[in-house]
């Protein structure tokens, strides 16, 4: 009986996951119990591949947290 509960608890945490990533934007899912810094680091790593910086657009809190970032070219106001 305890096994399903342990499996469910183990699946709640973990590293952030890129849900959708491109040159202009990325959406990162992470657990509400994790710090947002790991999600921001993942977004920045993705955007840096294109010579861009990650800028937080929005956060949607639910069972998981979905953080949306724009990938902005340095010296510009938008993607």
PDB file of N, CA and C in Angstrom:
ATOM      1  N   UNK A   1       0.806  -1.205   0.000  1.00  0.00           N
ATOM      2  CA  UNK A   1       0.000   0.000   0.000  1.00  0.00           C
ATOM      3  C   UNK A   1       0.843   1.259   0.000  1.00  0.00           C
ATOM      4  N   UNK A   2       1.974   1.266   0.702  1.00  0.00           N
ATOM      5  CA  UNK A   2       2.799   2.467   0.820  1.00  0.00           C
ATOM      6  C   UNK A   2       3.533   2.802  -0.468  1.00  0.00           C
ATOM      7  N   UNK A   3       3.772   1.832  -1.317  1.00  0.00           N
ATOM      8  CA  UNK A   3       4.537   2.062  -2.535  1.00  0.00           C
ATOM      9  C   UNK A   3       3.927   3.120  -3.442  1.00  0.00           C
ATOM     10  N   UNK A   4       2.621   3.097  -3.758  1.00  0.00           N
ATOM     11  CA  UNK A   4       2.073   4.145  -4.618  1.00  0.00           C
ATOM     12  C   UNK A   4       2.235   5.542  -4.029  1.00  0.00           C
ATOM     13  N   UNK A   5       2.124   5.664  -2.722  1.00  0.00           N
ATOM     14  CA  UNK A   5       2.281   6.976  -2.088  1.00  0.00           C
ATOM     15  C   UNK A   5       3.716   7.456  -2.231  1.00  0.00           C
ATOM     16  N   UNK A   6       4.686   6.576  -2.024  1.00  0.00           N
ATOM     17  CA  UNK A   6       6.084   6.963  -2.163  1.00  0.00           C
ATOM     18  C   UNK A   6       6.403   7.353  -3.594  1.00  0.00           C
ATOM     19  N   UNK A   7       5.875   6.634  -4.542  1.00  0.00           N
ATOM     20  CA  UNK A   7       6.093   6.969  -5.944  1.00  0.00           C
ATOM     21  C   UNK A   7       5.484   8.329  -6.263  1.00  0.00           C
ATOM     22  N   UNK A   8       4.289   8.581  -5.776  1.00  0.00           N
ATOM     23  CA  UNK A   8       3.641   9.868  -6.014  1.00  0.00           C
ATOM     24  C   UNK A   8       4.432  11.004  -5.397  1.00  0.00           C
ATOM     25  N   UNK A   9       4.943  10.810  -4.182  1.00  0.00           N
ATOM     26  CA  UNK A   9       5.729  11.852  -3.538  1.00  0.00           C
ATOM     27  C   UNK A   9       7.046  12.070  -4.262  1.00  0.00           C
ATOM     28  N   UNK A  10       7.643  11.026  -4.740  1.00  0.00           N
ATOM     29  CA  UNK A  10       8.916  11.152  -5.441  1.00  0.00           C
ATOM     30  C   UNK A  10       8.763  11.895  -6.757  1.00  0.00           C
ATOM     31  N   UNK A  11       7.598  11.817  -7.382  1.00  0.00           N
ATOM     32  CA  UNK A  11       7.402  12.469  -8.665  1.00  0.00           C
ATOM     33  C   UNK A  11       7.065  13.947  -8.537  1.00  0.00           C
ATOM     34  N   UNK A  12       6.864  14.445  -7.326  1.00  0.00           N
ATOM     35  CA  UNK A  12       6.492  15.840  -7.131  1.00  0.00           C
ATOM     36  C   UNK A  12       7.665  16.789  -7.308  1.00  0.00           C
ATOM     37  N   UNK A  13       8.855  16.361  -6.997  1.00  0.00           N
ATOM     38  CA  UNK A  13      10.004  17.243  -7.076  1.00  0.00           C
ATOM     39  C   UNK A  13      10.785  16.994  -8.343  1.00  0.00           C
ATOM     40  N   UNK A  14      12.021  17.392  -8.330  1.00  0.00           N
ATOM     41  CA  UNK A  14      12.876  17.126  -9.468  1.00  0.00           C
ATOM     42  C   UNK A  14      13.297  18.397 -10.164  1.00  0.00           C
ATOM     43  N   UNK A  15      14.071  18.209 -11.202  1.00  0.00           N
ATOM     44  CA  UNK A  15      14.607  19.334 -11.952  1.00  0.00           C
ATOM     45  C   UNK A  15      13.527  19.964 -12.821  1.00  0.00           C
ATOM     46  N   UNK A  16      13.689  21.241 -13.140  1.00  0.00           N
ATOM     47  CA  UNK A  16      12.768  21.884 -14.082  1.00  0.00           C
ATOM     48  C   UNK A  16      12.834  21.191 -15.445  1.00  0.00           C
ATOM     49  N   UNK A  17      11.742  21.282 -16.179  1.00  0.00           N
ATOM     50  CA  UNK A  17      11.639  20.650 -17.497  1.00  0.00           C
ATOM     51  C   UNK A  17      11.230  21.705 -18.511  1.00  0.00           C
ATOM     52  N   UNK A  18      11.947  21.760 -19.625  1.00  0.00           N
ATOM     53  CA  UNK A  18      11.563  22.664 -20.709  1.00  0.00           C
ATOM     54  C   UNK A  18      10.376  22.050 -21.444  1.00  0.00           C
ATOM     55  N   UNK A  19       9.252  22.753 -21.437  1.00  0.00           N
ATOM     56  CA  UNK A  19       8.047  22.260 -22.105  1.00  0.00           C
ATOM     57  C   UNK A  19       8.052  22.650 -23.573  1.00  0.00           C
ATOM     58  N   UNK A  20       8.467  23.858 -23.841  1.00  0.00           N
ATOM     59  CA  UNK A  20       8.507  24.376 -25.204  1.00  0.00           C
ATOM     60  C   UNK A  20       9.655  25.369 -25.259  1.00  0.00           C
ATOM     61  N   UNK A  21      10.595  25.168 -26.156  1.00  0.00           N
ATOM     62  CA  UNK A  21      11.753  26.049 -26.233  1.00  0.00           C
ATOM     63  C   UNK A  21      12.065  26.381 -27.686  1.00  0.00           C
ATOM     64  N   UNK A  22      12.396  27.647 -27.907  1.00  0.00           N
ATOM     65  CA  UNK A  22      12.779  28.085 -29.244  1.00  0.00           C
ATOM     66  C   UNK A  22      13.754  29.241 -29.120  1.00  0.00           C
ATOM     67  N   UNK A  23      14.077  29.859 -30.227  1.00  0.00           N
ATOM     68  CA  UNK A  23      14.985  31.004 -30.242  1.00  0.00           C
ATOM     69  C   UNK A  23      14.374  32.232 -29.575  1.00  0.00           C
ATOM     70  N   UNK A  24      13.052  32.332 -29.576  1.00  0.00           N
ATOM     71  CA  UNK A  24      12.401  33.539 -29.053  1.00  0.00           C
ATOM     72  C   UNK A  24      11.715  33.361 -27.706  1.00  0.00           C
ATOM     73  N   UNK A  25      11.510  32.121 -27.256  1.00  0.00           N
ATOM     74  CA  UNK A  25      10.808  31.924 -25.982  1.00  0.00           C
ATOM     75  C   UNK A  25      11.037  30.515 -25.450  1.00  0.00           C
ATOM     76  N   UNK A  26      10.776  30.355 -24.153  1.00  0.00           N
ATOM     77  CA  UNK A  26      10.836  29.045 -23.508  1.00  0.00           C
ATOM     78  C   UNK A  26       9.820  29.015 -22.369  1.00  0.00           C
ATOM     79  N   UNK A  27       9.171  27.866 -22.202  1.00  0.00           N
ATOM     80  CA  UNK A  27       8.286  27.626 -21.063  1.00  0.00           C
ATOM     81  C   UNK A  27       8.924  26.516 -20.239  1.00  0.00           C
ATOM     82  N   UNK A  28       9.081  26.767 -18.951  1.00  0.00           N
ATOM     83  CA  UNK A  28       9.724  25.818 -18.048  1.00  0.00           C
ATOM     84  C   UNK A  28       8.725  25.397 -16.974  1.00  0.00           C
ATOM     85  N   UNK A  29       8.594  24.091 -16.772  1.00  0.00           N
ATOM     86  CA  UNK A  29       7.746  23.573 -15.704  1.00  0.00           C
ATOM     87  C   UNK A  29       8.638  23.149 -14.549  1.00  0.00           C
ATOM     88  N   UNK A  30       8.242  23.553 -13.341  1.00  0.00           N
ATOM     89  CA  UNK A  30       8.956  23.111 -12.149  1.00  0.00           C
ATOM     90  C   UNK A  30       7.968  22.964 -11.011  1.00  0.00           C
ATOM     91  N   UNK A  31       8.373  22.253  -9.977  1.00  0.00           N
ATOM     92  CA  UNK A  31       7.513  22.010  -8.830  1.00  0.00           C
ATOM     93  C   UNK A  31       7.417  23.254  -7.965  1.00  0.00           C
ATOM     94  N   UNK A  32       6.260  23.490  -7.379  1.00  0.00           N
ATOM     95  CA  UNK A  32       6.072  24.649  -6.502  1.00  0.00           C
ATOM     96  C   UNK A  32       7.000  24.593  -5.300  1.00  0.00           C
ATOM     97  N   UNK A  33       7.502  23.399  -4.966  1.00  0.00           N
ATOM     98  CA  UNK A  33       8.412  23.274  -3.824  1.00  0.00           C
ATOM     99  C   UNK A  33       9.859  23.584  -4.206  1.00  0.00           C
ATOM    100  N   UNK A  34      10.144  23.715  -5.495  1.00  0.00           N
ATOM    101  CA  UNK A  34      11.496  24.055  -5.948  1.00  0.00           C
ATOM    102  C   UNK A  34      11.651  25.563  -6.044  1.00  0.00           C
ATOM    103  N   UNK A  35      12.886  26.019  -6.045  1.00  0.00           N
ATOM    104  CA  UNK A  35      13.124  27.453  -6.185  1.00  0.00           C
ATOM    105  C   UNK A  35      13.033  27.841  -7.661  1.00  0.00           C
ATOM    106  N   UNK A  36      12.575  29.040  -7.949  1.00  0.00           N
ATOM    107  CA  UNK A  36      12.464  29.486  -9.345  1.00  0.00           C
ATOM    108  C   UNK A  36      13.824  29.745  -9.999  1.00  0.00           C
ATOM    109  N   UNK A  37      14.887  29.817  -9.216  1.00  0.00           N
ATOM    110  CA  UNK A  37      16.210  30.080  -9.786  1.00  0.00           C
ATOM    111  C   UNK A  37      16.642  28.992 -10.763  1.00  0.00           C
ATOM    112  N   UNK A  38      16.295  27.743 -10.477  1.00  0.00           N
ATOM    113  CA  UNK A  38      16.659  26.647 -11.383  1.00  0.00           C
ATOM    114  C   UNK A  38      15.929  26.772 -12.712  1.00  0.00           C
ATOM    115  N   UNK A  39      14.675  27.191 -12.676  1.00  0.00           N
ATOM    116  CA  UNK A  39      13.911  27.407 -13.914  1.00  0.00           C
ATOM    117  C   UNK A  39      14.502  28.565 -14.707  1.00  0.00           C
ATOM    118  N   UNK A  40      14.867  29.628 -14.014  1.00  0.00           N
ATOM    119  CA  UNK A  40      15.472  30.783 -14.683  1.00  0.00           C
ATOM    120  C   UNK A  40      16.810  30.404 -15.301  1.00  0.00           C
ATOM    121  N   UNK A  41      17.599  29.596 -14.604  1.00  0.00           N
ATOM    122  CA  UNK A  41      18.888  29.153 -15.137  1.00  0.00           C
ATOM    123  C   UNK A  41      18.690  28.319 -16.398  1.00  0.00           C
ATOM    124  N   UNK A  42      17.674  27.445 -16.400  1.00  0.00           N
ATOM    125  CA  UNK A  42      17.388  26.643 -17.587  1.00  0.00           C
ATOM    126  C   UNK A  42      16.975  27.536 -18.755  1.00  0.00           C
ATOM    127  N   UNK A  43      16.137  28.528 -18.476  1.00  0.00           N
ATOM    128  CA  UNK A  43      15.696  29.448 -19.523  1.00  0.00           C
ATOM    129  C   UNK A  43      16.887  30.238 -20.071  1.00  0.00           C
ATOM    130  N   UNK A  44      17.741  30.710 -19.176  1.00  0.00           N
ATOM    131  CA  UNK A  44      18.911  31.478 -19.615  1.00  0.00           C
ATOM    132  C   UNK A  44      19.841  30.622 -20.458  1.00  0.00           C
ATOM    133  N   UNK A  45      20.030  29.378 -20.063  1.00  0.00           N
ATOM    134  CA  UNK A  45      20.882  28.462 -20.838  1.00  0.00           C
ATOM    135  C   UNK A  45      20.318  28.268 -22.242  1.00  0.00           C
ATOM    136  N   UNK A  46      19.001  28.092 -22.350  1.00  0.00           N
ATOM    137  CA  UNK A  46      18.381  27.929 -23.658  1.00  0.00           C
ATOM    138  C   UNK A  46      18.556  29.187 -24.505  1.00  0.00           C
ATOM    139  N   UNK A  47      18.248  30.336 -23.953  1.00  0.00           N
ATOM    140  CA  UNK A  47      18.319  31.585 -24.708  1.00  0.00           C
ATOM    141  C   UNK A  47      19.756  31.918 -25.109  1.00  0.00           C
ATOM    142  N   UNK A  48      20.713  31.582 -24.257  1.00  0.00           N
ATOM    143  CA  UNK A  48      22.123  31.867 -24.542  1.00  0.00           C
ATOM    144  C   UNK A  48      22.611  31.134 -25.787  1.00  0.00           C
ATOM    145  N   UNK A  49      22.016  29.989 -26.106  1.00  0.00           N
ATOM    146  CA  UNK A  49      22.391  29.252 -27.321  1.00  0.00           C
ATOM    147  C   UNK A  49      22.164  30.101 -28.562  1.00  0.00           C
ATOM    148  N   UNK A  50      21.265  31.076 -28.466  1.00  0.00           N
ATOM    149  CA  UNK A  50      20.913  31.948 -29.582  1.00  0.00           C
ATOM    150  C   UNK A  50      21.459  33.361 -29.395  1.00  0.00           C
ATOM    151  N   UNK A  51      22.356  33.542 -28.419  1.00  0.00           N
ATOM    152  CA  UNK A  51      22.919  34.858 -28.158  1.00  0.00           C
ATOM    153  C   UNK A  51      21.913  35.818 -27.545  1.00  0.00           C
ATOM    154  N   UNK A  52      20.956  35.267 -26.795  1.00  0.00           N
ATOM    155  CA  UNK A  52      19.887  36.070 -26.201  1.00  0.00           C
ATOM    156  C   UNK A  52      19.856  35.893 -24.688  1.00  0.00           C
ATOM    157  N   UNK A  53      19.117  36.759 -24.012  1.00  0.00           N
ATOM    158  CA  UNK A  53      18.945  36.695 -22.560  1.00  0.00           C
ATOM    159  C   UNK A  53      17.502  36.344 -22.218  1.00  0.00           C
ATOM    160  N   UNK A  54      17.321  35.514 -21.204  1.00  0.00           N
ATOM    161  CA  UNK A  54      15.977  35.135 -20.753  1.00  0.00           C
ATOM    162  C   UNK A  54      15.379  36.255 -19.907  1.00  0.00           C
ATOM    163  N   UNK A  55      14.144  36.633 -20.233  1.00  0.00           N
ATOM    164  CA  UNK A  55      13.403  37.635 -19.466  1.00  0.00           C
ATOM    165  C   UNK A  55      12.051  37.036 -19.114  1.00  0.00           C
ATOM    166  N   UNK A  56      11.738  36.994 -17.825  1.00  0.00           N
ATOM    167  CA  UNK A  56      10.489  36.396 -17.363  1.00  0.00           C
ATOM    168  C   UNK A  56       9.297  37.132 -17.951  1.00  0.00           C
ATOM    169  N   UNK A  57       8.372  36.377 -18.528  1.00  0.00           N
ATOM    170  CA  UNK A  57       7.133  36.931 -19.076  1.00  0.00           C
ATOM    171  C   UNK A  57       5.990  36.736 -18.090  1.00  0.00           C
ATOM    172  N   UNK A  58       5.798  35.492 -17.613  1.00  0.00           N
ATOM    173  CA  UNK A  58       4.692  35.209 -16.703  1.00  0.00           C
ATOM    174  C   UNK A  58       4.942  33.915 -15.950  1.00  0.00           C
ATOM    175  N   UNK A  59       4.202  33.754 -14.838  1.00  0.00           N
ATOM    176  CA  UNK A  59       4.239  32.534 -14.037  1.00  0.00           C
ATOM    177  C   UNK A  59       2.806  32.093 -13.802  1.00  0.00           C
ATOM    178  N   UNK A  60       2.535  30.804 -14.051  1.00  0.00           N
ATOM    179  CA  UNK A  60       1.221  30.221 -13.806  1.00  0.00           C
ATOM    180  C   UNK A  60       1.383  29.180 -12.715  1.00  0.00           C
ATOM    181  N   UNK A  61       0.817  29.436 -11.545  1.00  0.00           N
ATOM    182  CA  UNK A  61       0.925  28.524 -10.408  1.00  0.00           C
ATOM    183  C   UNK A  61      -0.260  27.575 -10.370  1.00  0.00           C
ATOM    184  N   UNK A  62       0.047  26.311 -10.267  1.00  0.00           N
ATOM    185  CA  UNK A  62      -0.965  25.274 -10.106  1.00  0.00           C
ATOM    186  C   UNK A  62      -0.314  24.150  -9.329  1.00  0.00           C
ATOM    187  N   UNK A  63      -0.583  22.909  -9.688  1.00  0.00           N
ATOM    188  CA  UNK A  63       0.117  21.788  -9.080  1.00  0.00           C
ATOM    189  C   UNK A  63       1.594  21.873  -9.391  1.00  0.00           C
ATOM    190  N   UNK A  64       1.894  22.259 -10.616  1.00  0.00           N
ATOM    191  CA  UNK A  64       3.256  22.584 -11.038  1.00  0.00           C
ATOM    192  C   UNK A  64       3.255  24.064 -11.374  1.00  0.00           C
ATOM    193  N   UNK A  65       4.424  24.623 -11.498  1.00  0.00           N
ATOM    194  CA  UNK A  65       4.554  26.026 -11.870  1.00  0.00           C
ATOM    195  C   UNK A  65       5.065  26.076 -13.295  1.00  0.00           C
ATOM    196  N   UNK A  66       4.450  26.892 -14.126  1.00  0.00           N
ATOM    197  CA  UNK A  66       4.880  27.097 -15.500  1.00  0.00           C
ATOM    198  C   UNK A  66       5.380  28.528 -15.618  1.00  0.00           C
ATOM    199  N   UNK A  67       6.654  28.682 -15.911  1.00  0.00           N
ATOM    200  CA  UNK A  67       7.249  30.004 -16.063  1.00  0.00           C
ATOM    201  C   UNK A  67       7.562  30.210 -17.544  1.00  0.00           C
ATOM    202  N   UNK A  68       7.067  31.309 -18.104  1.00  0.00           N
ATOM    203  CA  UNK A  68       7.305  31.638 -19.506  1.00  0.00           C
ATOM    204  C   UNK A  68       8.334  32.756 -19.587  1.00  0.00           C
ATOM    205  N   UNK A  69       9.299  32.585 -20.468  1.00  0.00           N
ATOM    206  CA  UNK A  69      10.362  33.566 -20.655  1.00  0.00           C
ATOM    207  C   UNK A  69      10.455  33.940 -22.129  1.00  0.00           C
ATOM    208  N   UNK A  70      10.740  35.205 -22.392  1.00  0.00           N
ATOM    209  CA  UNK A  70      11.134  35.639 -23.730  1.00  0.00           C
ATOM    210  C   UNK A  70      12.642  35.511 -23.823  1.00  0.00           C
ATOM    211  N   UNK A  71      13.142  35.229 -25.003  1.00  0.00           N
ATOM    212  CA  UNK A  71      14.574  35.265 -25.269  1.00  0.00           C
ATOM    213  C   UNK A  71      14.836  36.566 -26.024  1.00  0.00           C
ATOM    214  N   UNK A  72      15.450  37.524 -25.347  1.00  0.00           N
ATOM    215  CA  UNK A  72      15.619  38.871 -25.871  1.00  0.00           C
ATOM    216  C   UNK A  72      17.047  39.078 -26.378  1.00  0.00           C
ATOM    217  N   UNK A  73      17.166  39.654 -27.569  1.00  0.00           N
ATOM    218  CA  UNK A  73      18.484  40.015 -28.084  1.00  0.00           C
ATOM    219  C   UNK A  73      19.035  41.153 -27.243  1.00  0.00           C
ATOM    220  N   UNK A  74      20.315  41.092 -26.883  1.00  0.00           N
ATOM    221  CA  UNK A  74      20.911  42.193 -26.118  1.00  0.00           C
ATOM    222  C   UNK A  74      20.752  43.528 -26.860  1.00  0.00           C
ATOM    223  N   UNK A  75      20.373  44.548 -26.116  1.00  0.00           N
ATOM    224  CA  UNK A  75      20.219  45.879 -26.700  1.00  0.00           C
ATOM    225  C   UNK A  75      18.884  46.127 -27.362  1.00  0.00           C
ATOM    226  N   UNK A  76      17.926  45.166 -27.249  1.00  0.00           N
ATOM    227  CA  UNK A  76      16.604  45.366 -27.844  1.00  0.00           C
ATOM    228  C   UNK A  76      15.539  45.260 -26.755  1.00  0.00           C
ATOM    229  N   UNK A  77      14.341  45.686 -27.109  1.00  0.00           N
ATOM    230  CA  UNK A  77      13.240  45.666 -26.145  1.00  0.00           C
ATOM    231  C   UNK A  77      12.355  44.431 -26.283  1.00  0.00           C
ATOM    232  N   UNK A  78      12.571  43.616 -27.291  1.00  0.00           N
ATOM    233  CA  UNK A  78      11.710  42.454 -27.482  1.00  0.00           C
ATOM    234  C   UNK A  78      12.363  41.383 -28.317  1.00  0.00           C
ATOM    235  N   UNK A  79      11.645  40.276 -28.514  1.00  0.00           N
ATOM    236  CA  UNK A  79      12.192  39.147 -29.269  1.00  0.00           C
ATOM    237  C   UNK A  79      12.497  39.537 -30.676  1.00  0.00           C
TER     238      UNK A  79
END
